[in-house]
N, C-alpha and C. Protein backbone atom coordinates (compact mmCIF):
# COMPACT_ATOMS: atom_id res chain seq x y z
N MET A 1 30.50 30.97 27.30
CA MET A 1 30.09 30.25 26.12
C MET A 1 31.12 30.48 25.02
N THR A 2 31.36 29.47 24.26
CA THR A 2 32.34 29.53 23.18
C THR A 2 31.76 30.22 21.94
N ASN A 3 32.62 30.71 21.11
CA ASN A 3 32.19 31.35 19.87
C ASN A 3 32.20 30.35 18.72
N LEU A 4 31.58 29.23 18.93
CA LEU A 4 31.52 28.16 17.94
C LEU A 4 30.59 28.55 16.80
N LYS A 5 31.05 28.40 15.59
CA LYS A 5 30.23 28.69 14.42
C LYS A 5 29.52 27.41 13.99
N PHE A 6 28.34 27.60 13.43
CA PHE A 6 27.56 26.45 12.97
C PHE A 6 28.36 25.59 12.00
N SER A 7 29.13 26.21 11.14
CA SER A 7 29.90 25.45 10.15
C SER A 7 30.99 24.60 10.79
N GLU A 8 31.31 24.84 12.06
CA GLU A 8 32.34 24.08 12.74
C GLU A 8 31.78 22.88 13.49
N ILE A 9 30.49 22.78 13.59
CA ILE A 9 29.85 21.67 14.29
C ILE A 9 29.89 20.43 13.40
N MET A 10 30.38 19.35 13.96
CA MET A 10 30.47 18.10 13.21
C MET A 10 29.28 17.22 13.55
N ILE A 11 28.55 16.85 12.55
CA ILE A 11 27.42 15.94 12.72
C ILE A 11 27.92 14.55 12.32
N ASP A 12 27.77 13.60 13.23
CA ASP A 12 28.21 12.25 12.87
C ASP A 12 27.08 11.23 12.93
N ALA A 13 25.90 11.65 13.42
CA ALA A 13 24.76 10.74 13.49
C ALA A 13 23.48 11.50 13.18
N ILE A 14 22.54 10.79 12.56
CA ILE A 14 21.24 11.36 12.25
C ILE A 14 20.18 10.36 12.71
N ILE A 15 19.17 10.88 13.39
CA ILE A 15 18.06 10.06 13.86
C ILE A 15 16.83 10.40 13.03
N PHE A 16 16.20 9.38 12.47
CA PHE A 16 15.01 9.55 11.65
C PHE A 16 13.81 8.88 12.30
N ASP A 17 12.64 9.35 11.93
CA ASP A 17 11.39 8.64 12.21
C ASP A 17 11.05 7.86 10.94
N PHE A 18 10.07 6.99 11.00
CA PHE A 18 9.70 6.17 9.86
C PHE A 18 8.49 6.75 9.13
N GLY A 19 7.38 6.90 9.85
CA GLY A 19 6.13 7.33 9.25
C GLY A 19 6.16 8.80 8.84
N ASP A 20 5.76 9.04 7.60
CA ASP A 20 5.73 10.38 6.99
C ASP A 20 7.11 10.99 6.84
N VAL A 21 8.15 10.19 7.05
CA VAL A 21 9.52 10.60 6.74
C VAL A 21 10.01 9.72 5.59
N PHE A 22 9.95 8.42 5.78
CA PHE A 22 10.33 7.48 4.73
C PHE A 22 9.11 6.89 4.05
N ILE A 23 8.21 6.36 4.85
CA ILE A 23 6.99 5.79 4.28
C ILE A 23 5.89 6.84 4.41
N ASN A 24 5.15 7.03 3.33
CA ASN A 24 4.02 7.96 3.38
C ASN A 24 2.87 7.32 4.12
N LEU A 25 2.14 8.13 4.85
CA LEU A 25 0.98 7.65 5.60
C LEU A 25 -0.30 8.22 5.00
N ASP A 26 -1.34 7.39 4.98
CA ASP A 26 -2.65 7.82 4.50
C ASP A 26 -3.61 7.76 5.68
N LYS A 27 -3.64 8.82 6.45
CA LYS A 27 -4.42 8.85 7.69
C LYS A 27 -5.92 8.85 7.44
N GLN A 28 -6.34 9.31 6.29
CA GLN A 28 -7.77 9.29 5.97
C GLN A 28 -8.22 7.88 5.61
N LYS A 29 -7.33 7.12 4.99
CA LYS A 29 -7.71 5.77 4.57
C LYS A 29 -7.95 4.86 5.77
N ILE A 30 -7.12 4.97 6.80
CA ILE A 30 -7.33 4.10 7.97
C ILE A 30 -8.69 4.39 8.60
N ASP A 31 -9.07 5.66 8.63
CA ASP A 31 -10.38 6.03 9.17
C ASP A 31 -11.50 5.43 8.33
N SER A 32 -11.40 5.55 7.01
CA SER A 32 -12.46 5.02 6.16
C SER A 32 -12.51 3.49 6.21
N GLU A 33 -11.36 2.84 6.31
CA GLU A 33 -11.34 1.37 6.37
C GLU A 33 -11.98 0.86 7.66
N PHE A 34 -11.71 1.53 8.78
CA PHE A 34 -12.34 1.11 10.03
C PHE A 34 -13.84 1.43 10.03
N ARG A 35 -14.23 2.51 9.40
CA ARG A 35 -15.66 2.82 9.27
C ARG A 35 -16.37 1.75 8.45
N LYS A 36 -15.72 1.25 7.40
CA LYS A 36 -16.31 0.16 6.60
C LYS A 36 -16.56 -1.08 7.45
N LEU A 37 -15.71 -1.27 8.46
CA LEU A 37 -15.87 -2.43 9.34
C LEU A 37 -16.91 -2.20 10.43
N GLY A 38 -17.35 -0.94 10.56
CA GLY A 38 -18.40 -0.64 11.53
C GLY A 38 -17.96 0.22 12.70
N LEU A 39 -16.73 0.66 12.73
CA LEU A 39 -16.28 1.54 13.80
C LEU A 39 -16.79 2.94 13.51
N THR A 40 -17.61 3.47 14.41
CA THR A 40 -18.23 4.78 14.15
C THR A 40 -17.32 5.94 14.49
N ALA A 41 -16.45 5.77 15.47
CA ALA A 41 -15.54 6.87 15.85
C ALA A 41 -14.38 6.31 16.66
N TRP A 42 -13.23 6.96 16.53
CA TRP A 42 -12.07 6.64 17.37
C TRP A 42 -12.34 7.26 18.73
N HIS A 43 -12.00 6.56 19.80
CA HIS A 43 -12.31 7.08 21.13
C HIS A 43 -11.22 6.71 22.14
N ALA A 44 -11.40 7.13 23.36
CA ALA A 44 -10.38 6.97 24.41
C ALA A 44 -9.99 5.51 24.63
N ASP A 45 -10.93 4.57 24.52
CA ASP A 45 -10.60 3.15 24.69
C ASP A 45 -9.57 2.69 23.66
N LEU A 46 -9.72 3.16 22.43
CA LEU A 46 -8.79 2.77 21.37
C LEU A 46 -7.44 3.47 21.54
N ASP A 47 -7.47 4.71 22.04
CA ASP A 47 -6.21 5.39 22.36
C ASP A 47 -5.43 4.59 23.41
N ALA A 48 -6.13 4.17 24.45
CA ALA A 48 -5.49 3.40 25.53
C ALA A 48 -4.98 2.05 25.00
N LEU A 49 -5.77 1.41 24.16
CA LEU A 49 -5.37 0.13 23.56
C LEU A 49 -4.10 0.31 22.72
N ASN A 50 -4.09 1.35 21.90
CA ASN A 50 -2.93 1.63 21.05
C ASN A 50 -1.69 1.91 21.90
N LYS A 51 -1.85 2.66 22.96
CA LYS A 51 -0.72 2.97 23.83
C LYS A 51 -0.16 1.70 24.47
N GLU A 52 -1.04 0.82 24.94
CA GLU A 52 -0.59 -0.45 25.54
C GLU A 52 0.20 -1.27 24.52
N TYR A 53 -0.27 -1.28 23.28
CA TYR A 53 0.42 -2.03 22.23
C TYR A 53 1.77 -1.39 21.91
N GLU A 54 1.80 -0.07 21.76
CA GLU A 54 3.05 0.63 21.47
C GLU A 54 4.10 0.41 22.55
N LEU A 55 3.64 0.31 23.80
CA LEU A 55 4.56 0.13 24.92
C LEU A 55 4.93 -1.34 25.15
N GLY A 56 4.35 -2.24 24.35
CA GLY A 56 4.67 -3.66 24.49
C GLY A 56 3.98 -4.34 25.65
N LYS A 57 2.93 -3.72 26.16
CA LYS A 57 2.21 -4.31 27.30
C LYS A 57 1.21 -5.37 26.86
N ILE A 58 0.82 -5.35 25.59
CA ILE A 58 -0.07 -6.38 25.04
C ILE A 58 0.51 -6.85 23.71
N ASP A 59 0.12 -8.06 23.31
CA ASP A 59 0.61 -8.60 22.04
C ASP A 59 -0.36 -8.24 20.91
N GLU A 60 0.02 -8.64 19.70
CA GLU A 60 -0.76 -8.30 18.51
C GLU A 60 -2.18 -8.83 18.57
N VAL A 61 -2.35 -10.07 18.99
CA VAL A 61 -3.69 -10.67 19.03
C VAL A 61 -4.57 -9.92 20.02
N THR A 62 -4.04 -9.61 21.19
CA THR A 62 -4.81 -8.87 22.19
C THR A 62 -5.18 -7.49 21.65
N PHE A 63 -4.26 -6.87 20.93
CA PHE A 63 -4.52 -5.57 20.31
C PHE A 63 -5.67 -5.68 19.31
N MET A 64 -5.62 -6.66 18.42
CA MET A 64 -6.68 -6.84 17.43
C MET A 64 -8.02 -7.17 18.10
N GLN A 65 -7.97 -8.00 19.14
CA GLN A 65 -9.20 -8.35 19.85
C GLN A 65 -9.79 -7.13 20.56
N GLY A 66 -8.94 -6.20 20.97
CA GLY A 66 -9.42 -4.96 21.56
C GLY A 66 -10.25 -4.16 20.57
N PHE A 67 -9.83 -4.15 19.31
CA PHE A 67 -10.63 -3.49 18.27
C PHE A 67 -11.92 -4.26 18.05
N GLN A 68 -11.82 -5.57 18.09
CA GLN A 68 -12.98 -6.42 17.81
C GLN A 68 -14.10 -6.18 18.82
N LYS A 69 -13.77 -5.77 20.02
CA LYS A 69 -14.80 -5.45 21.02
C LYS A 69 -15.68 -4.30 20.54
N HIS A 70 -15.12 -3.42 19.74
CA HIS A 70 -15.86 -2.26 19.25
C HIS A 70 -16.45 -2.47 17.86
N ILE A 71 -15.96 -3.48 17.16
CA ILE A 71 -16.50 -3.85 15.85
C ILE A 71 -16.62 -5.38 15.79
N PRO A 72 -17.59 -5.91 16.54
CA PRO A 72 -17.69 -7.37 16.75
C PRO A 72 -17.93 -8.19 15.49
N HIS A 73 -18.43 -7.59 14.43
CA HIS A 73 -18.68 -8.36 13.21
C HIS A 73 -17.46 -8.46 12.32
N ALA A 74 -16.38 -7.80 12.69
CA ALA A 74 -15.15 -7.82 11.90
C ALA A 74 -14.22 -8.92 12.41
N ASP A 75 -13.63 -9.67 11.48
CA ASP A 75 -12.66 -10.68 11.89
C ASP A 75 -11.28 -10.03 12.06
N LEU A 76 -10.37 -10.77 12.69
CA LEU A 76 -9.05 -10.22 12.99
C LEU A 76 -8.24 -9.89 11.74
N ILE A 77 -8.42 -10.65 10.69
CA ILE A 77 -7.70 -10.37 9.44
C ILE A 77 -8.17 -9.04 8.84
N SER A 78 -9.46 -8.78 8.87
CA SER A 78 -9.99 -7.50 8.36
C SER A 78 -9.52 -6.34 9.22
N ILE A 79 -9.45 -6.56 10.51
CA ILE A 79 -8.98 -5.51 11.41
C ILE A 79 -7.51 -5.20 11.13
N ARG A 80 -6.70 -6.24 10.96
CA ARG A 80 -5.28 -6.04 10.64
C ARG A 80 -5.13 -5.30 9.31
N SER A 81 -5.93 -5.67 8.34
CA SER A 81 -5.89 -5.00 7.04
C SER A 81 -6.25 -3.51 7.17
N ALA A 82 -7.28 -3.21 7.94
CA ALA A 82 -7.67 -1.81 8.16
C ALA A 82 -6.55 -1.07 8.89
N TRP A 83 -5.94 -1.70 9.87
CA TRP A 83 -4.84 -1.09 10.62
C TRP A 83 -3.67 -0.77 9.69
N ASN A 84 -3.38 -1.67 8.78
CA ASN A 84 -2.26 -1.48 7.85
C ASN A 84 -2.58 -0.52 6.71
N SER A 85 -3.83 -0.17 6.55
CA SER A 85 -4.21 0.70 5.42
C SER A 85 -3.61 2.10 5.54
N ILE A 86 -3.13 2.46 6.70
CA ILE A 86 -2.48 3.77 6.88
C ILE A 86 -1.16 3.84 6.11
N LEU A 87 -0.54 2.69 5.87
CA LEU A 87 0.76 2.66 5.21
C LEU A 87 0.60 2.84 3.71
N ALA A 88 1.19 3.88 3.19
CA ALA A 88 1.14 4.15 1.75
C ALA A 88 2.47 3.70 1.14
N ASP A 89 2.99 4.46 0.22
CA ASP A 89 4.20 4.05 -0.49
C ASP A 89 5.48 4.50 0.22
N PHE A 90 6.55 3.86 -0.14
CA PHE A 90 7.90 4.20 0.31
C PHE A 90 8.71 4.44 -0.96
N PRO A 91 8.83 5.69 -1.38
CA PRO A 91 9.52 5.97 -2.65
C PRO A 91 10.97 5.51 -2.64
N LEU A 92 11.39 4.92 -3.74
CA LEU A 92 12.74 4.38 -3.87
C LEU A 92 13.80 5.45 -3.65
N TYR A 93 13.55 6.69 -4.08
CA TYR A 93 14.57 7.73 -3.93
C TYR A 93 14.91 7.98 -2.45
N ARG A 94 13.99 7.71 -1.55
CA ARG A 94 14.28 7.89 -0.12
C ARG A 94 15.25 6.81 0.37
N LEU A 95 15.08 5.60 -0.11
CA LEU A 95 16.01 4.53 0.23
C LEU A 95 17.38 4.84 -0.37
N GLU A 96 17.40 5.30 -1.60
CA GLU A 96 18.67 5.64 -2.24
C GLU A 96 19.38 6.78 -1.51
N PHE A 97 18.61 7.73 -1.01
CA PHE A 97 19.19 8.83 -0.22
C PHE A 97 19.86 8.27 1.04
N LEU A 98 19.19 7.37 1.74
CA LEU A 98 19.78 6.75 2.92
C LEU A 98 21.07 6.02 2.59
N GLN A 99 21.04 5.27 1.51
CA GLN A 99 22.23 4.53 1.12
C GLN A 99 23.38 5.48 0.78
N MET A 100 23.06 6.63 0.22
CA MET A 100 24.07 7.61 -0.15
C MET A 100 24.73 8.23 1.10
N ILE A 101 23.95 8.52 2.13
CA ILE A 101 24.52 9.18 3.30
C ILE A 101 25.02 8.21 4.37
N ALA A 102 24.74 6.93 4.19
CA ALA A 102 25.13 5.93 5.19
C ALA A 102 26.64 5.83 5.38
N SER A 103 27.42 6.17 4.38
CA SER A 103 28.87 6.10 4.52
C SER A 103 29.43 7.31 5.26
N LYS A 104 28.65 8.39 5.37
CA LYS A 104 29.11 9.61 6.03
C LYS A 104 28.62 9.73 7.47
N TYR A 105 27.46 9.15 7.74
CA TYR A 105 26.81 9.35 9.05
C TYR A 105 26.37 8.02 9.63
N ARG A 106 26.30 7.99 10.95
CA ARG A 106 25.65 6.87 11.63
C ARG A 106 24.16 7.17 11.59
N LEU A 107 23.38 6.22 11.10
CA LEU A 107 21.95 6.44 10.93
C LEU A 107 21.16 5.60 11.93
N PHE A 108 20.13 6.22 12.51
CA PHE A 108 19.29 5.55 13.49
C PHE A 108 17.83 5.78 13.13
N LEU A 109 17.02 4.80 13.45
CA LEU A 109 15.58 4.92 13.27
C LEU A 109 14.96 4.86 14.66
N LEU A 110 14.25 5.91 15.02
CA LEU A 110 13.55 5.99 16.30
C LEU A 110 12.09 6.21 15.97
N SER A 111 11.27 5.20 16.19
CA SER A 111 9.90 5.28 15.72
C SER A 111 8.97 4.47 16.63
N ASN A 112 7.72 4.87 16.65
CA ASN A 112 6.72 4.08 17.36
C ASN A 112 6.02 3.10 16.42
N THR A 113 6.59 2.87 15.26
CA THR A 113 6.02 1.92 14.30
C THR A 113 5.94 0.55 14.96
N ASP A 114 4.77 -0.08 14.85
CA ASP A 114 4.57 -1.36 15.54
C ASP A 114 4.91 -2.55 14.65
N SER A 115 4.93 -3.71 15.26
CA SER A 115 5.34 -4.93 14.54
C SER A 115 4.34 -5.30 13.45
N ILE A 116 3.08 -4.96 13.60
CA ILE A 116 2.10 -5.25 12.55
C ILE A 116 2.46 -4.46 11.29
N HIS A 117 2.78 -3.19 11.47
CA HIS A 117 3.14 -2.35 10.34
C HIS A 117 4.48 -2.77 9.74
N ILE A 118 5.42 -3.13 10.58
CA ILE A 118 6.73 -3.56 10.07
C ILE A 118 6.58 -4.82 9.22
N ASN A 119 5.82 -5.79 9.72
CA ASN A 119 5.61 -7.03 8.97
C ASN A 119 4.89 -6.76 7.64
N HIS A 120 3.91 -5.87 7.66
CA HIS A 120 3.19 -5.52 6.44
C HIS A 120 4.14 -4.83 5.44
N PHE A 121 4.93 -3.89 5.93
CA PHE A 121 5.91 -3.20 5.09
C PHE A 121 6.87 -4.22 4.46
N ARG A 122 7.31 -5.14 5.25
CA ARG A 122 8.26 -6.16 4.78
C ARG A 122 7.63 -7.05 3.71
N GLU A 123 6.40 -7.48 3.95
CA GLU A 123 5.71 -8.35 2.99
C GLU A 123 5.39 -7.60 1.69
N ARG A 124 4.92 -6.36 1.82
CA ARG A 124 4.51 -5.60 0.64
C ARG A 124 5.69 -5.16 -0.22
N ASN A 125 6.80 -4.80 0.41
CA ASN A 125 7.95 -4.28 -0.33
C ASN A 125 8.99 -5.33 -0.66
N GLY A 126 8.89 -6.50 -0.06
CA GLY A 126 9.81 -7.59 -0.35
C GLY A 126 11.04 -7.57 0.55
N GLU A 127 11.65 -8.73 0.67
CA GLU A 127 12.82 -8.90 1.54
C GLU A 127 14.00 -8.03 1.12
N GLU A 128 14.25 -7.94 -0.19
CA GLU A 128 15.41 -7.17 -0.64
C GLU A 128 15.27 -5.70 -0.24
N PHE A 129 14.13 -5.10 -0.50
CA PHE A 129 13.92 -3.69 -0.15
C PHE A 129 13.98 -3.50 1.36
N TYR A 130 13.32 -4.41 2.07
CA TYR A 130 13.31 -4.34 3.55
C TYR A 130 14.73 -4.41 4.10
N ASN A 131 15.52 -5.34 3.61
CA ASN A 131 16.89 -5.50 4.10
C ASN A 131 17.77 -4.31 3.72
N ARG A 132 17.58 -3.77 2.53
CA ARG A 132 18.34 -2.58 2.13
C ARG A 132 18.01 -1.43 3.08
N PHE A 133 16.75 -1.27 3.42
CA PHE A 133 16.36 -0.20 4.35
C PHE A 133 16.92 -0.47 5.74
N ARG A 134 16.77 -1.68 6.21
CA ARG A 134 17.24 -2.03 7.55
C ARG A 134 18.76 -1.86 7.69
N ASN A 135 19.47 -2.21 6.65
CA ASN A 135 20.93 -2.09 6.70
C ASN A 135 21.38 -0.65 6.55
């Protein structure tokens, strides 16, 4: 093994997650929003449904309809809103930090964030903010 010192290691890329790294998550709010719709508890069926959606095995509508089986009086728009309620704020200083280090490092986002959340983030924060983050 070499006698390499930590200060000699060159970092040229950084991999980030999205949730609770850049965007704050409100995990209690999603629970309360689904309870308002009539969901009494999260269970194995919803875990399996979420996994299928994360892996791209089902589309957004099928995902929402899967929730609707457990809360039949809720419409798909209300379910989507409850699903998105986990997304809190994305402080500007975090975006500015990324922009500051982007010239020094290759930056990557590796996340299980789904398309429903991405679309909500984009709509709520606007195209300019979304594009600045994406770039």
